[in-house]
C-alpha atoms as a PDB file:
ATOM      1  CA  MET A   1      37.011  36.479  42.730  1.00  0.00           C
ATOM      2  CA  LYS A   2      40.269  34.787  41.971  1.00  0.00           C
ATOM      3  CA  ARG A   3      40.890  33.646  38.431  1.00  0.00           C
ATOM      4  CA  SER A   4      41.481  30.045  39.536  1.00  0.00           C
ATOM      5  CA  HIS A   5      38.130  30.024  41.364  1.00  0.00           C
ATOM      6  CA  CYS A   6      36.330  31.351  38.243  1.00  0.00           C
ATOM      7  CA  LEU A   7      37.937  28.638  36.174  1.00  0.00           C
ATOM      8  CA  THR A   8      36.807  26.000  38.677  1.00  0.00           C
ATOM      9  CA  LEU A   9      33.220  27.278  38.502  1.00  0.00           C
ATOM     10  CA  LEU A  10      33.295  27.291  34.701  1.00  0.00           C
ATOM     11  CA  ILE A  11      34.566  23.708  34.563  1.00  0.00           C
ATOM     12  CA  ALA A  12      31.892  22.631  37.060  1.00  0.00           C
ATOM     13  CA  PHE A  13      29.199  24.376  34.966  1.00  0.00           C
ATOM     14  CA  LEU A  14      30.348  22.701  31.755  1.00  0.00           C
ATOM     15  CA  MET A  15      30.548  19.282  33.423  1.00  0.00           C
ATOM     16  CA  ASN A  16      27.052  19.698  34.845  1.00  0.00           C
ATOM     17  CA  GLY A  17      25.751  20.657  31.383  1.00  0.00           C
ATOM     18  CA  ALA A  18      27.404  17.618  29.832  1.00  0.00           C
ATOM     19  CA  ALA A  19      25.856  15.382  32.491  1.00  0.00           C
ATOM     20  CA  LEU A  20      22.404  16.830  31.822  1.00  0.00           C
ATOM     21  CA  ALA A  21      22.880  16.291  28.093  1.00  0.00           C
ATOM     22  CA  ALA A  22      23.926  12.694  28.726  1.00  0.00           C
ATOM     23  CA  ASP A  23      20.795  12.135  30.836  1.00  0.00           C
ATOM     24  CA  ALA A  24      18.493  13.634  28.168  1.00  0.00           C
ATOM     25  CA  PRO A  25      16.478  10.945  26.341  1.00  0.00           C
ATOM     26  CA  THR A  26      17.592  10.133  22.794  1.00  0.00           C
ATOM     27  CA  VAL A  27      15.015  11.076  20.170  1.00  0.00           C
ATOM     28  CA  ILE A  28      14.699   8.535  17.348  1.00  0.00           C
ATOM     29  CA  LYS A  29      13.717  10.220  14.092  1.00  0.00           C
ATOM     30  CA  MET A  30      12.121   8.154  11.334  1.00  0.00           C
ATOM     31  CA  LYS A  31      10.908   8.614   7.774  1.00  0.00           C
ATOM     32  CA  LEU A  32       7.711   6.986   6.492  1.00  0.00           C
ATOM     33  CA  GLY A  33       7.210   7.161   2.721  1.00  0.00           C
ATOM     34  CA  HIS A  34       4.132   6.287   0.683  1.00  0.00           C
ATOM     35  CA  TYR A  35       2.595   7.153  -2.688  1.00  0.00           C
ATOM     36  CA  ALA A  36      -0.971   8.269  -1.928  1.00  0.00           C
ATOM     37  CA  PRO A  37      -1.931  11.937  -2.424  1.00  0.00           C
ATOM     38  CA  VAL A  38      -2.060  14.233   0.596  1.00  0.00           C
ATOM     39  CA  SER A  39      -5.883  14.097   0.619  1.00  0.00           C
ATOM     40  CA  HIS A  40      -6.080  10.271   0.504  1.00  0.00           C
ATOM     41  CA  PRO A  41      -7.165   8.347   3.646  1.00  0.00           C
ATOM     42  CA  GLY A  42      -3.798   6.564   3.519  1.00  0.00           C
ATOM     43  CA  ASN A  43      -1.991   9.820   4.224  1.00  0.00           C
ATOM     44  CA  GLN A  44      -4.413  10.640   7.019  1.00  0.00           C
ATOM     45  CA  ALA A  45      -3.783   7.198   8.534  1.00  0.00           C
ATOM     46  CA  SER A  46      -0.008   7.713   8.231  1.00  0.00           C
ATOM     47  CA  LYS A  47      -0.203  11.018  10.106  1.00  0.00           C
ATOM     48  CA  MET A  48      -2.463   9.507  12.765  1.00  0.00           C
ATOM     49  CA  PHE A  49       0.055   6.706  13.224  1.00  0.00           C
ATOM     50  CA  ALA A  50       2.988   9.128  13.518  1.00  0.00           C
ATOM     51  CA  GLU A  51       1.160  11.366  16.014  1.00  0.00           C
ATOM     52  CA  ALA A  52       0.021   8.442  18.166  1.00  0.00           C
ATOM     53  CA  VAL A  53       3.521   6.920  18.343  1.00  0.00           C
ATOM     54  CA  GLU A  54       5.069  10.272  19.284  1.00  0.00           C
ATOM     55  CA  LYS A  55       2.456  10.823  21.989  1.00  0.00           C
ATOM     56  CA  ARG A  56       2.704   7.348  23.487  1.00  0.00           C
ATOM     57  CA  THR A  57       6.531   7.438  23.535  1.00  0.00           C
ATOM     58  CA  ASN A  58       6.542  10.928  25.113  1.00  0.00           C
ATOM     59  CA  GLY A  59       8.346  12.346  22.096  1.00  0.00           C
ATOM     60  CA  ALA A  60      11.087   9.702  22.052  1.00  0.00           C
ATOM     61  CA  ILE A  61      10.052   8.661  18.512  1.00  0.00           C
ATOM     62  CA  LYS A  62       9.289  11.296  15.897  1.00  0.00           C
ATOM     63  CA  ILE A  63       8.038  10.125  12.492  1.00  0.00           C
ATOM     64  CA  SER A  64       8.007  12.374   9.420  1.00  0.00           C
ATOM     65  CA  VAL A  65       5.500  11.333   6.737  1.00  0.00           C
ATOM     66  CA  PHE A  66       6.381  11.783   3.055  1.00  0.00           C
ATOM     67  CA  PRO A  67       3.309  11.258   0.804  1.00  0.00           C
ATOM     68  CA  ASP A  68       2.787  11.382  -2.949  1.00  0.00           C
ATOM     69  CA  ASN A  69       6.036   9.684  -4.049  1.00  0.00           C
ATOM     70  CA  GLN A  70       8.219  12.361  -2.431  1.00  0.00           C
ATOM     71  CA  LEU A  71      10.842   9.723  -1.603  1.00  0.00           C
ATOM     72  CA  GLY A  72      10.697   8.039  -5.009  1.00  0.00           C
ATOM     73  CA  SER A  73       8.415   5.714  -6.945  1.00  0.00           C
ATOM     74  CA  PRO A  74       6.754   2.835  -5.032  1.00  0.00           C
ATOM     75  CA  PRO A  75       9.452   0.275  -5.983  1.00  0.00           C
ATOM     76  CA  GLU A  76      12.192   2.786  -5.115  1.00  0.00           C
ATOM     77  CA  GLN A  77      10.677   3.462  -1.699  1.00  0.00           C
ATOM     78  CA  LEU A  78      10.558  -0.243  -0.878  1.00  0.00           C
ATOM     79  CA  GLU A  79      14.138  -0.726  -2.064  1.00  0.00           C
ATOM     80  CA  GLN A  80      15.293   2.164   0.151  1.00  0.00           C
ATOM     81  CA  ASN A  81      13.385   0.641   3.062  1.00  0.00           C
ATOM     82  CA  ILE A  82      15.110  -2.727   2.586  1.00  0.00           C
ATOM     83  CA  MET A  83      18.483  -0.963   2.453  1.00  0.00           C
ATOM     84  CA  GLY A  84      17.656   1.025   5.592  1.00  0.00           C
ATOM     85  CA  ALA A  85      17.821   4.401   3.837  1.00  0.00           C
ATOM     86  CA  ILE A  86      14.247   5.100   4.950  1.00  0.00           C
ATOM     87  CA  ASP A  87      12.666   3.600   8.038  1.00  0.00           C
ATOM     88  CA  MET A  88       9.151   2.623   6.965  1.00  0.00           C
ATOM     89  CA  SER A  89       7.129   2.220   3.801  1.00  0.00           C
ATOM     90  CA  LEU A  90       3.686   1.052   2.706  1.00  0.00           C
ATOM     91  CA  PRO A  91       4.112  -1.183  -0.342  1.00  0.00           C
ATOM     92  CA  THR A  92       1.352  -3.322  -1.806  1.00  0.00           C
ATOM     93  CA  GLN A  93       1.714  -7.051  -2.294  1.00  0.00           C
ATOM     94  CA  GLY A  94       2.507  -6.316  -5.947  1.00  0.00           C
ATOM     95  CA  ALA A  95       5.714  -4.574  -4.902  1.00  0.00           C
ATOM     96  CA  LEU A  96       6.610  -7.118  -2.222  1.00  0.00           C
ATOM     97  CA  ASP A  97       6.293 -10.073  -4.591  1.00  0.00           C
ATOM     98  CA  LYS A  98       9.585  -9.015  -6.235  1.00  0.00           C
ATOM     99  CA  TYR A  99      11.203 -10.202  -2.990  1.00  0.00           C
ATOM    100  CA  SER A 100       8.878 -13.071  -2.007  1.00  0.00           C
ATOM    101  CA  LYS A 101       6.643 -14.882  -4.475  1.00  0.00           C
ATOM    102  CA  LYS A 102       4.183 -15.695  -1.693  1.00  0.00           C
ATOM    103  CA  PHE A 103       2.915 -12.109  -1.916  1.00  0.00           C
ATOM    104  CA  ALA A 104       2.109 -12.549  -5.608  1.00  0.00           C
ATOM    105  CA  VAL A 105      -0.824 -14.861  -4.929  1.00  0.00           C
ATOM    106  CA  VAL A 106      -2.766 -12.291  -2.878  1.00  0.00           C
ATOM    107  CA  MET A 107      -3.634 -10.635  -6.204  1.00  0.00           C
ATOM    108  CA  LEU A 108      -5.265 -13.652  -7.827  1.00  0.00           C
ATOM    109  CA  PRO A 109      -8.315 -12.255  -9.676  1.00  0.00           C
ATOM    110  CA  PHE A 110     -11.649 -12.691  -7.884  1.00  0.00           C
ATOM    111  CA  ILE A 111     -10.116 -14.780  -5.062  1.00  0.00           C
ATOM    112  CA  PHE A 112     -11.913 -12.872  -2.276  1.00  0.00           C
ATOM    113  CA  ARG A 113     -15.670 -12.759  -1.704  1.00  0.00           C
ATOM    114  CA  ASP A 114     -15.548  -9.328  -0.063  1.00  0.00           C
ATOM    115  CA  ALA A 115     -13.331  -7.076   2.061  1.00  0.00           C
ATOM    116  CA  ASP A 116     -13.991  -8.921   5.322  1.00  0.00           C
ATOM    117  CA  HIS A 117     -12.947 -12.196   3.694  1.00  0.00           C
ATOM    118  CA  ALA A 118      -9.714 -10.553   2.473  1.00  0.00           C
ATOM    119  CA  TYR A 119      -8.947  -9.156   5.935  1.00  0.00           C
ATOM    120  CA  LYS A 120      -9.409 -12.525   7.655  1.00  0.00           C
ATOM    121  CA  VAL A 121      -7.154 -14.313   5.171  1.00  0.00           C
ATOM    122  CA  LEU A 122      -4.414 -11.666   5.115  1.00  0.00           C
ATOM    123  CA  ASP A 123      -4.331 -10.941   8.854  1.00  0.00           C
ATOM    124  CA  GLY A 124      -4.482 -14.633   9.747  1.00  0.00           C
ATOM    125  CA  PRO A 125      -3.028 -17.595   7.861  1.00  0.00           C
ATOM    126  CA  PHE A 126      -1.410 -15.596   5.074  1.00  0.00           C
ATOM    127  CA  MET A 127       0.869 -13.434   7.224  1.00  0.00           C
ATOM    128  CA  GLN A 128       1.831 -16.408   9.398  1.00  0.00           C
ATOM    129  CA  TRP A 129       2.997 -18.003   6.145  1.00  0.00           C
ATOM    130  CA  ALA A 130       4.605 -14.966   4.480  1.00  0.00           C
ATOM    131  CA  ALA A 131       5.999 -12.723   7.245  1.00  0.00           C
ATOM    132  CA  PRO A 132       9.217 -14.792   7.692  1.00  0.00           C
ATOM    133  CA  ASP A 133      10.091 -13.977   4.061  1.00  0.00           C
ATOM    134  CA  LEU A 134      10.026 -10.261   4.910  1.00  0.00           C
ATOM    135  CA  ASP A 135      12.385 -10.863   7.813  1.00  0.00           C
ATOM    136  CA  LYS A 136      14.901 -12.392   5.384  1.00  0.00           C
ATOM    137  CA  GLN A 137      14.820  -9.124   3.408  1.00  0.00           C
ATOM    138  CA  GLY A 138      15.553  -7.032   6.492  1.00  0.00           C
ATOM    139  CA  LEU A 139      11.939  -5.921   6.985  1.00  0.00           C
ATOM    140  CA  ILE A 140       9.639  -6.176   9.983  1.00  0.00           C
ATOM    141  CA  PHE A 141       5.916  -6.654   9.285  1.00  0.00           C
ATOM    142  CA  LEU A 142       3.836  -4.241  11.370  1.00  0.00           C
ATOM    143  CA  ALA A 143       0.249  -4.496  10.065  1.00  0.00           C
ATOM    144  CA  ASN A 144      -1.931  -4.720   6.980  1.00  0.00           C
ATOM    145  CA  TRP A 145      -3.512  -1.421   6.004  1.00  0.00           C
ATOM    146  CA  GLU A 146      -5.817  -0.883   3.011  1.00  0.00           C
ATOM    147  CA  TRP A 147      -5.754  -0.174  -0.721  1.00  0.00           C
ATOM    148  CA  GLY A 148      -8.869  -1.864  -1.981  1.00  0.00           C
ATOM    149  CA  PHE A 149     -10.610  -3.736  -4.764  1.00  0.00           C
ATOM    150  CA  ARG A 150      -9.533  -2.552  -8.185  1.00  0.00           C
ATOM    151  CA  ASN A 151     -11.940  -1.282 -10.851  1.00  0.00           C
ATOM    152  CA  LEU A 152     -11.587  -0.422 -14.530  1.00  0.00           C
ATOM    153  CA  THR A 153     -11.956   3.027 -16.106  1.00  0.00           C
ATOM    154  CA  ASN A 154     -11.731   3.913 -19.788  1.00  0.00           C
ATOM    155  CA  ASN A 155     -12.540   6.536 -22.387  1.00  0.00           C
ATOM    156  CA  ALA A 156     -13.858   4.304 -25.175  1.00  0.00           C
ATOM    157  CA  ARG A 157     -17.112   2.657 -24.060  1.00  0.00           C
ATOM    158  CA  PRO A 158     -19.140   1.339 -21.112  1.00  0.00           C
ATOM    159  CA  ILE A 159     -17.934  -2.038 -19.783  1.00  0.00           C
ATOM    160  CA  ASN A 160     -20.816  -4.462 -19.213  1.00  0.00           C
ATOM    161  CA  THR A 161     -19.329  -7.768 -20.422  1.00  0.00           C
ATOM    162  CA  PRO A 162     -15.821  -9.191 -20.819  1.00  0.00           C
ATOM    163  CA  ASP A 163     -16.061  -8.610 -24.577  1.00  0.00           C
ATOM    164  CA  ASP A 164     -16.274  -4.854 -23.937  1.00  0.00           C
ATOM    165  CA  VAL A 165     -12.666  -4.942 -22.698  1.00  0.00           C
ATOM    166  CA  LYS A 166     -11.317  -6.397 -25.959  1.00  0.00           C
ATOM    167  CA  GLY A 167      -8.946  -4.088 -27.806  1.00  0.00           C
ATOM    168  CA  LEU A 168      -8.649  -1.465 -25.056  1.00  0.00           C
ATOM    169  CA  LYS A 169      -5.156  -0.103 -24.399  1.00  0.00           C
ATOM    170  CA  ILE A 170      -4.939  -0.480 -20.628  1.00  0.00           C
ATOM    171  CA  ARG A 171      -2.301   0.801 -18.257  1.00  0.00           C
ATOM    172  CA  THR A 172      -1.516  -1.468 -15.319  1.00  0.00           C
ATOM    173  CA  PRO A 173       1.317  -1.325 -12.789  1.00  0.00           C
ATOM    174  CA  PRO A 174       4.300  -3.567 -13.625  1.00  0.00           C
ATOM    175  CA  GLU A 175       2.625  -6.507 -11.855  1.00  0.00           C
ATOM    176  CA  VAL A 176       1.989  -9.751 -13.710  1.00  0.00           C
ATOM    177  CA  GLN A 177      -1.279 -10.437 -11.879  1.00  0.00           C
ATOM    178  CA  LEU A 178      -2.941  -7.265 -13.178  1.00  0.00           C
ATOM    179  CA  GLN A 179      -1.423  -7.597 -16.644  1.00  0.00           C
ATOM    180  CA  ALA A 180      -2.587 -11.219 -16.886  1.00  0.00           C
ATOM    181  CA  ALA A 181      -6.125 -10.351 -15.747  1.00  0.00           C
ATOM    182  CA  MET A 182      -6.528  -7.574 -18.304  1.00  0.00           C
ATOM    183  CA  GLU A 183      -4.991  -9.624 -21.119  1.00  0.00           C
ATOM    184  CA  ALA A 184      -7.267 -12.572 -20.282  1.00  0.00           C
ATOM    185  CA  LEU A 185     -10.150 -10.188 -21.066  1.00  0.00           C
ATOM    186  CA  GLY A 186      -8.620  -9.201 -24.395  1.00  0.00           C
ATOM    187  CA  GLY A 187      -7.051  -5.892 -23.374  1.00  0.00           C
ATOM    188  CA  THR A 188      -3.638  -4.680 -24.558  1.00  0.00           C
ATOM    189  CA  VAL A 189      -1.495  -3.800 -21.555  1.00  0.00           C
ATOM    190  CA  THR A 190       0.862  -0.810 -21.525  1.00  0.00           C
ATOM    191  CA  LYS A 191       3.339  -0.009 -18.760  1.00  0.00           C
ATOM    192  CA  ILE A 192       3.311   3.636 -17.654  1.00  0.00           C
ATOM    193  CA  SER A 193       4.684   4.870 -14.322  1.00  0.00           C
ATOM    194  CA  PHE A 194       2.007   6.089 -11.955  1.00  0.00           C
ATOM    195  CA  PRO A 195       3.191   9.739 -11.819  1.00  0.00           C
ATOM    196  CA  GLU A 196       2.830   9.894 -15.632  1.00  0.00           C
ATOM    197  CA  LEU A 197      -0.545   8.130 -15.796  1.00  0.00           C
ATOM    198  CA  PHE A 198      -2.886  11.114 -15.581  1.00  0.00           C
ATOM    199  CA  MET A 199      -1.313  12.856 -18.579  1.00  0.00           C
ATOM    200  CA  ALA A 200      -1.191   9.574 -20.527  1.00  0.00           C
ATOM    201  CA  LEU A 201      -4.944   9.192 -20.025  1.00  0.00           C
ATOM    202  CA  LYS A 202      -5.582  12.840 -20.830  1.00  0.00           C
ATOM    203  CA  GLN A 203      -3.561  12.661 -24.050  1.00  0.00           C
ATOM    204  CA  GLY A 204      -5.018   9.313 -25.160  1.00  0.00           C
ATOM    205  CA  VAL A 205      -1.727   7.411 -24.946  1.00  0.00           C
ATOM    206  CA  VAL A 206      -3.843   4.698 -23.308  1.00  0.00           C
ATOM    207  CA  ASP A 207      -7.616   4.211 -23.217  1.00  0.00           C
ATOM    208  CA  ALA A 208      -7.943   2.764 -19.760  1.00  0.00           C
ATOM    209  CA  GLU A 209      -6.494   2.097 -16.313  1.00  0.00           C
ATOM    210  CA  GLU A 210      -7.492   0.075 -13.254  1.00  0.00           C
ATOM    211  CA  ASN A 211      -7.271   1.095  -9.609  1.00  0.00           C
ATOM    212  CA  PRO A 212      -9.255   1.204  -6.367  1.00  0.00           C
ATOM    213  CA  LEU A 213     -12.027   3.818  -6.229  1.00  0.00           C
ATOM    214  CA  SER A 214     -10.106   5.949  -3.738  1.00  0.00           C
ATOM    215  CA  VAL A 215      -7.159   6.174  -6.148  1.00  0.00           C
ATOM    216  CA  ILE A 216      -9.441   7.027  -9.072  1.00  0.00           C
ATOM    217  CA  PHE A 217     -11.152   9.762  -7.084  1.00  0.00           C
ATOM    218  CA  TYR A 218      -8.302  11.354  -5.142  1.00  0.00           C
ATOM    219  CA  ASN A 219      -6.055  11.432  -8.232  1.00  0.00           C
ATOM    220  CA  LYS A 220      -8.883  13.055 -10.246  1.00  0.00           C
ATOM    221  CA  PHE A 221      -8.889  10.446 -12.995  1.00  0.00           C
ATOM    222  CA  TYR A 222     -12.498  11.487 -13.624  1.00  0.00           C
ATOM    223  CA  GLU A 223     -11.033  14.499 -15.417  1.00  0.00           C
ATOM    224  CA  ALA A 224      -9.429  12.152 -17.970  1.00  0.00           C
ATOM    225  CA  GLN A 225     -11.794   9.145 -18.055  1.00  0.00           C
ATOM    226  CA  LYS A 226     -15.472   8.878 -18.956  1.00  0.00           C
ATOM    227  CA  HIS A 227     -16.456   5.309 -17.988  1.00  0.00           C
ATOM    228  CA  LEU A 228     -16.079   3.409 -14.701  1.00  0.00           C
ATOM    229  CA  ALA A 229     -16.818  -0.331 -14.427  1.00  0.00           C
ATOM    230  CA  LEU A 230     -17.127  -1.701 -10.879  1.00  0.00           C
ATOM    231  CA  THR A 231     -15.338  -4.957 -11.656  1.00  0.00           C
ATOM    232  CA  ASN A 232     -13.619  -5.496  -8.259  1.00  0.00           C
ATOM    233  CA  HIS A 233     -11.271  -7.797 -10.136  1.00  0.00           C
ATOM    234  CA  VAL A 234      -8.266  -7.820  -7.771  1.00  0.00           C
ATOM    235  CA  TYR A 235      -7.830  -6.887  -4.118  1.00  0.00           C
ATOM    236  CA  ASN A 236      -4.595  -5.709  -2.586  1.00  0.00           C
ATOM    237  CA  SER A 237      -3.581  -3.712   0.423  1.00  0.00           C
ATOM    238  CA  TRP A 238      -0.805  -1.608   1.800  1.00  0.00           C
ATOM    239  CA  VAL A 239       1.567  -3.612   3.977  1.00  0.00           C
ATOM    240  CA  HIS A 240       3.211  -1.500   6.671  1.00  0.00           C
ATOM    241  CA  VAL A 241       6.836  -2.572   6.974  1.00  0.00           C
ATOM    242  CA  MET A 242       9.828  -1.228   8.892  1.00  0.00           C
ATOM    243  CA  SER A 243      13.554  -1.567   8.371  1.00  0.00           C
ATOM    244  CA  LYS A 244      14.977  -4.212  10.703  1.00  0.00           C
ATOM    245  CA  LYS A 245      17.901  -1.842  11.377  1.00  0.00           C
ATOM    246  CA  THR A 246      15.500   0.770  12.734  1.00  0.00           C
ATOM    247  CA  TRP A 247      13.396  -1.801  14.599  1.00  0.00           C
ATOM    248  CA  GLU A 248      16.428  -2.996  16.533  1.00  0.00           C
ATOM    249  CA  LYS A 249      17.062   0.547  17.822  1.00  0.00           C
ATOM    250  CA  LEU A 250      13.744   0.470  19.688  1.00  0.00           C
ATOM    251  CA  SER A 251      13.117  -0.825  23.180  1.00  0.00           C
ATOM    252  CA  PRO A 252      10.640  -3.711  23.564  1.00  0.00           C
ATOM    253  CA  GLU A 253       8.031  -1.247  24.862  1.00  0.00           C
ATOM    254  CA  GLN A 254       8.575   1.066  21.885  1.00  0.00           C
ATOM    255  CA  GLN A 255       8.310  -1.891  19.490  1.00  0.00           C
ATOM    256  CA  LYS A 256       4.982  -2.826  21.110  1.00  0.00           C
ATOM    257  CA  ILE A 257       3.689   0.740  20.707  1.00  0.00           C
ATOM    258  CA  VAL A 258       4.718   0.946  17.044  1.00  0.00           C
ATOM    259  CA  LYS A 259       2.958  -2.349  16.220  1.00  0.00           C
ATOM    260  CA  GLU A 260      -0.187  -1.431  18.122  1.00  0.00           C
ATOM    261  CA  GLU A 261      -0.472   1.993  16.504  1.00  0.00           C
ATOM    262  CA  SER A 262       0.202   0.589  13.035  1.00  0.00           C
ATOM    263  CA  LYS A 263      -2.663  -1.860  13.481  1.00  0.00           C
ATOM    264  CA  ALA A 264      -4.922   0.917  14.789  1.00  0.00           C
ATOM    265  CA  ALA A 265      -4.103   3.180  11.818  1.00  0.00           C
ATOM    266  CA  GLY A 266      -4.626   0.309   9.374  1.00  0.00           C
ATOM    267  CA  ASN A 267      -8.008  -0.545  10.887  1.00  0.00           C
ATOM    268  CA  TRP A 268      -9.037   3.114  10.677  1.00  0.00           C
ATOM    269  CA  MET A 269      -7.989   3.256   7.008  1.00  0.00           C
ATOM    270  CA  ARG A 270      -9.924   0.076   6.222  1.00  0.00           C
ATOM    271  CA  ALA A 271     -13.083   1.410   7.857  1.00  0.00           C
ATOM    272  CA  GLN A 272     -12.691   4.817   6.223  1.00  0.00           C
ATOM    273  CA  ILE A 273     -12.232   3.455   2.691  1.00  0.00           C
ATOM    274  CA  GLN A 274     -15.121   0.996   3.083  1.00  0.00           C
ATOM    275  CA  LYS A 275     -17.345   3.801   4.367  1.00  0.00           C
ATOM    276  CA  ASP A 276     -16.248   6.095   1.543  1.00  0.00           C
ATOM    277  CA  GLU A 277     -16.766   3.686  -1.351  1.00  0.00           C
ATOM    278  CA  ALA A 278     -20.528   4.150  -1.881  1.00  0.00           C
ATOM    279  CA  ASN A 279     -20.088   7.889  -1.533  1.00  0.00           C
ATOM    280  CA  LEU A 280     -17.154   7.876  -3.972  1.00  0.00           C
ATOM    281  CA  VAL A 281     -19.279   6.171  -6.645  1.00  0.00           C
ATOM    282  CA  LYS A 282     -21.869   8.920  -6.237  1.00  0.00           C
ATOM    283  CA  GLN A 283     -19.209  11.636  -6.382  1.00  0.00           C
ATOM    284  CA  LEU A 284     -17.644  10.110  -9.495  1.00  0.00           C
ATOM    285  CA  LYS A 285     -21.090  10.067 -11.141  1.00  0.00           C
ATOM    286  CA  ASP A 286     -21.521  13.708 -10.127  1.00  0.00           C
ATOM    287  CA  LYS A 287     -18.162  14.432 -11.789  1.00  0.00           C
ATOM    288  CA  GLY A 288     -19.568  13.054 -15.056  1.00  0.00           C
ATOM    289  CA  MET A 289     -18.402   9.433 -15.048  1.00  0.00           C
ATOM    290  CA  GLN A 290     -20.788   6.816 -16.427  1.00  0.00           C
ATOM    291  CA  VAL A 291     -20.789   3.855 -14.017  1.00  0.00           C
ATOM    292  CA  THR A 292     -21.611   0.237 -14.813  1.00  0.00           C
ATOM    293  CA  THR A 293     -21.755  -2.827 -12.558  1.00  0.00           C
ATOM    294  CA  PRO A 294     -20.788  -5.857 -14.677  1.00  0.00           C
ATOM    295  CA  LYS A 295     -21.604  -9.409 -13.604  1.00  0.00           C
ATOM    296  CA  GLN A 296     -18.449 -10.627 -11.844  1.00  0.00           C
ATOM    297  CA  ALA A 297     -19.069 -14.292 -12.609  1.00  0.00           C
ATOM    298  CA  ASP A 298     -18.742 -13.609 -16.348  1.00  0.00           C
ATOM    299  CA  PHE A 299     -15.338 -11.989 -15.813  1.00  0.00           C
ATOM    300  CA  LYS A 300     -14.133 -14.659 -13.372  1.00  0.00           C
ATOM    301  CA  ALA A 301     -14.954 -17.328 -15.967  1.00  0.00           C
ATOM    302  CA  LYS A 302     -12.267 -15.810 -18.243  1.00  0.00           C
ATOM    303  CA  MET A 303      -9.468 -15.938 -15.660  1.00  0.00           C
ATOM    304  CA  LYS A 304      -7.924 -19.394 -16.221  1.00  0.00           C
ATOM    305  CA  PRO A 305      -5.133 -17.998 -18.468  1.00  0.00           C
ATOM    306  CA  ALA A 306      -4.409 -15.399 -15.781  1.00  0.00           C
ATOM    307  CA  TYR A 307      -4.220 -18.042 -13.039  1.00  0.00           C
ATOM    308  CA  ASP A 308      -1.884 -20.107 -15.215  1.00  0.00           C
ATOM    309  CA  ARG A 309       0.453 -17.140 -15.767  1.00  0.00           C
ATOM    310  CA  ILE A 310       0.406 -16.192 -12.098  1.00  0.00           C
ATOM    311  CA  GLY A 311       1.227 -19.819 -11.294  1.00  0.00           C
ATOM    312  CA  GLU A 312       4.243 -19.652 -13.606  1.00  0.00           C
ATOM    313  CA  TYR A 313       5.380 -16.451 -11.884  1.00  0.00           C
ATOM    314  CA  ALA A 314       4.594 -17.250  -8.256  1.00  0.00           C
ATOM    315  CA  GLY A 315       4.885 -21.028  -8.313  1.00  0.00           C
ATOM    316  CA  LYS A 316       1.897 -23.333  -8.664  1.00  0.00           C
ATOM    317  CA  GLU A 317       2.475 -24.616  -5.133  1.00  0.00           C
ATOM    318  CA  ASN A 318       2.044 -21.075  -3.772  1.00  0.00           C
ATOM    319  CA  VAL A 319      -1.136 -20.537  -5.790  1.00  0.00           C
ATOM    320  CA  ASP A 320      -2.576 -23.836  -4.583  1.00  0.00           C
ATOM    321  CA  ALA A 321      -1.666 -23.069  -0.959  1.00  0.00           C
ATOM    322  CA  PHE A 322      -3.306 -19.655  -1.109  1.00  0.00           C
ATOM    323  CA  VAL A 323      -6.461 -20.861  -2.871  1.00  0.00           C
ATOM    324  CA  LYS A 324      -6.818 -23.434  -0.093  1.00  0.00           C
ATOM    325  CA  MET A 325      -6.341 -20.722   2.571  1.00  0.00           C
ATOM    326  CA  ALA A 326      -9.024 -18.557   0.966  1.00  0.00           C
ATOM    327  CA  GLU A 327     -11.462 -21.472   0.657  1.00  0.00           C
ATOM    328  CA  GLU A 328     -10.933 -22.572   4.264  1.00  0.00           C
ATOM    329  CA  THR A 329     -11.225 -19.068   5.783  1.00  0.00           C
ATOM    330  CA  LYS A 330     -14.861 -18.388   6.644  1.00  0.00           C
END
């Protein structure tokens, strides 16, 4: 075979390979960060979401899930998401209210009757009101997931009345709603980052902390706390958000799939955590925790100072608007 003919064949082969490569579908790779432990239902929901999106897009979208603060603390993850450094995150309203004060009012103490009431408010009138504020920050709202009603644990004494909270050193996240609620009950609030909380409880740096039951259980706080009070004082949820920069890379059909699968994963997480809660109380008792069920009305009666402080932070007009939403949502 002549050399010129060989060269022609080689060029044809390379051009054909380049054409095939050009025709190959582009794979969009994404990062989803959150702060729940690997064993938490939130991580299971995240993996279910990632797998479903990959399957429905025939592998065109691949999502890597990073649990347990692997991509930074909760505020850092949200900041990276806004900047477009990571593609998706699952902040609570307490993190989002640093960027829109409308999110601050979701965490008004004792505002929701139960989980179903919270879901109807948040999925309906609230997100219609608040979602445009996320858009201004470069975020796309996908769906509400779950976190849960928060309860109080401590090492000092059983909590049966508001007076039992007086004098306790309580760790809360850096969120005014939770700080105000605990201080309205007479607690002394201390700020400790979540990754350092377990050791702080173990070493007695603080007496108490407050979190949903799933967080208390899956982070093994029962190894560092003796008493659990089922106060259900504040509800908040994960809010699944995506970088607008990433969103705009997707086709309309891909955008539809991502939203649908986010909602499906969030609904699964809600159902799973609700189903788990009664069982988690039993398991926490089995682990040695002493559990009390205080009368919520007594605690709610102490919350006026907390509502006033939240109004100063979030704007009284936002508090009033949200209280009206909650009252009008059946």
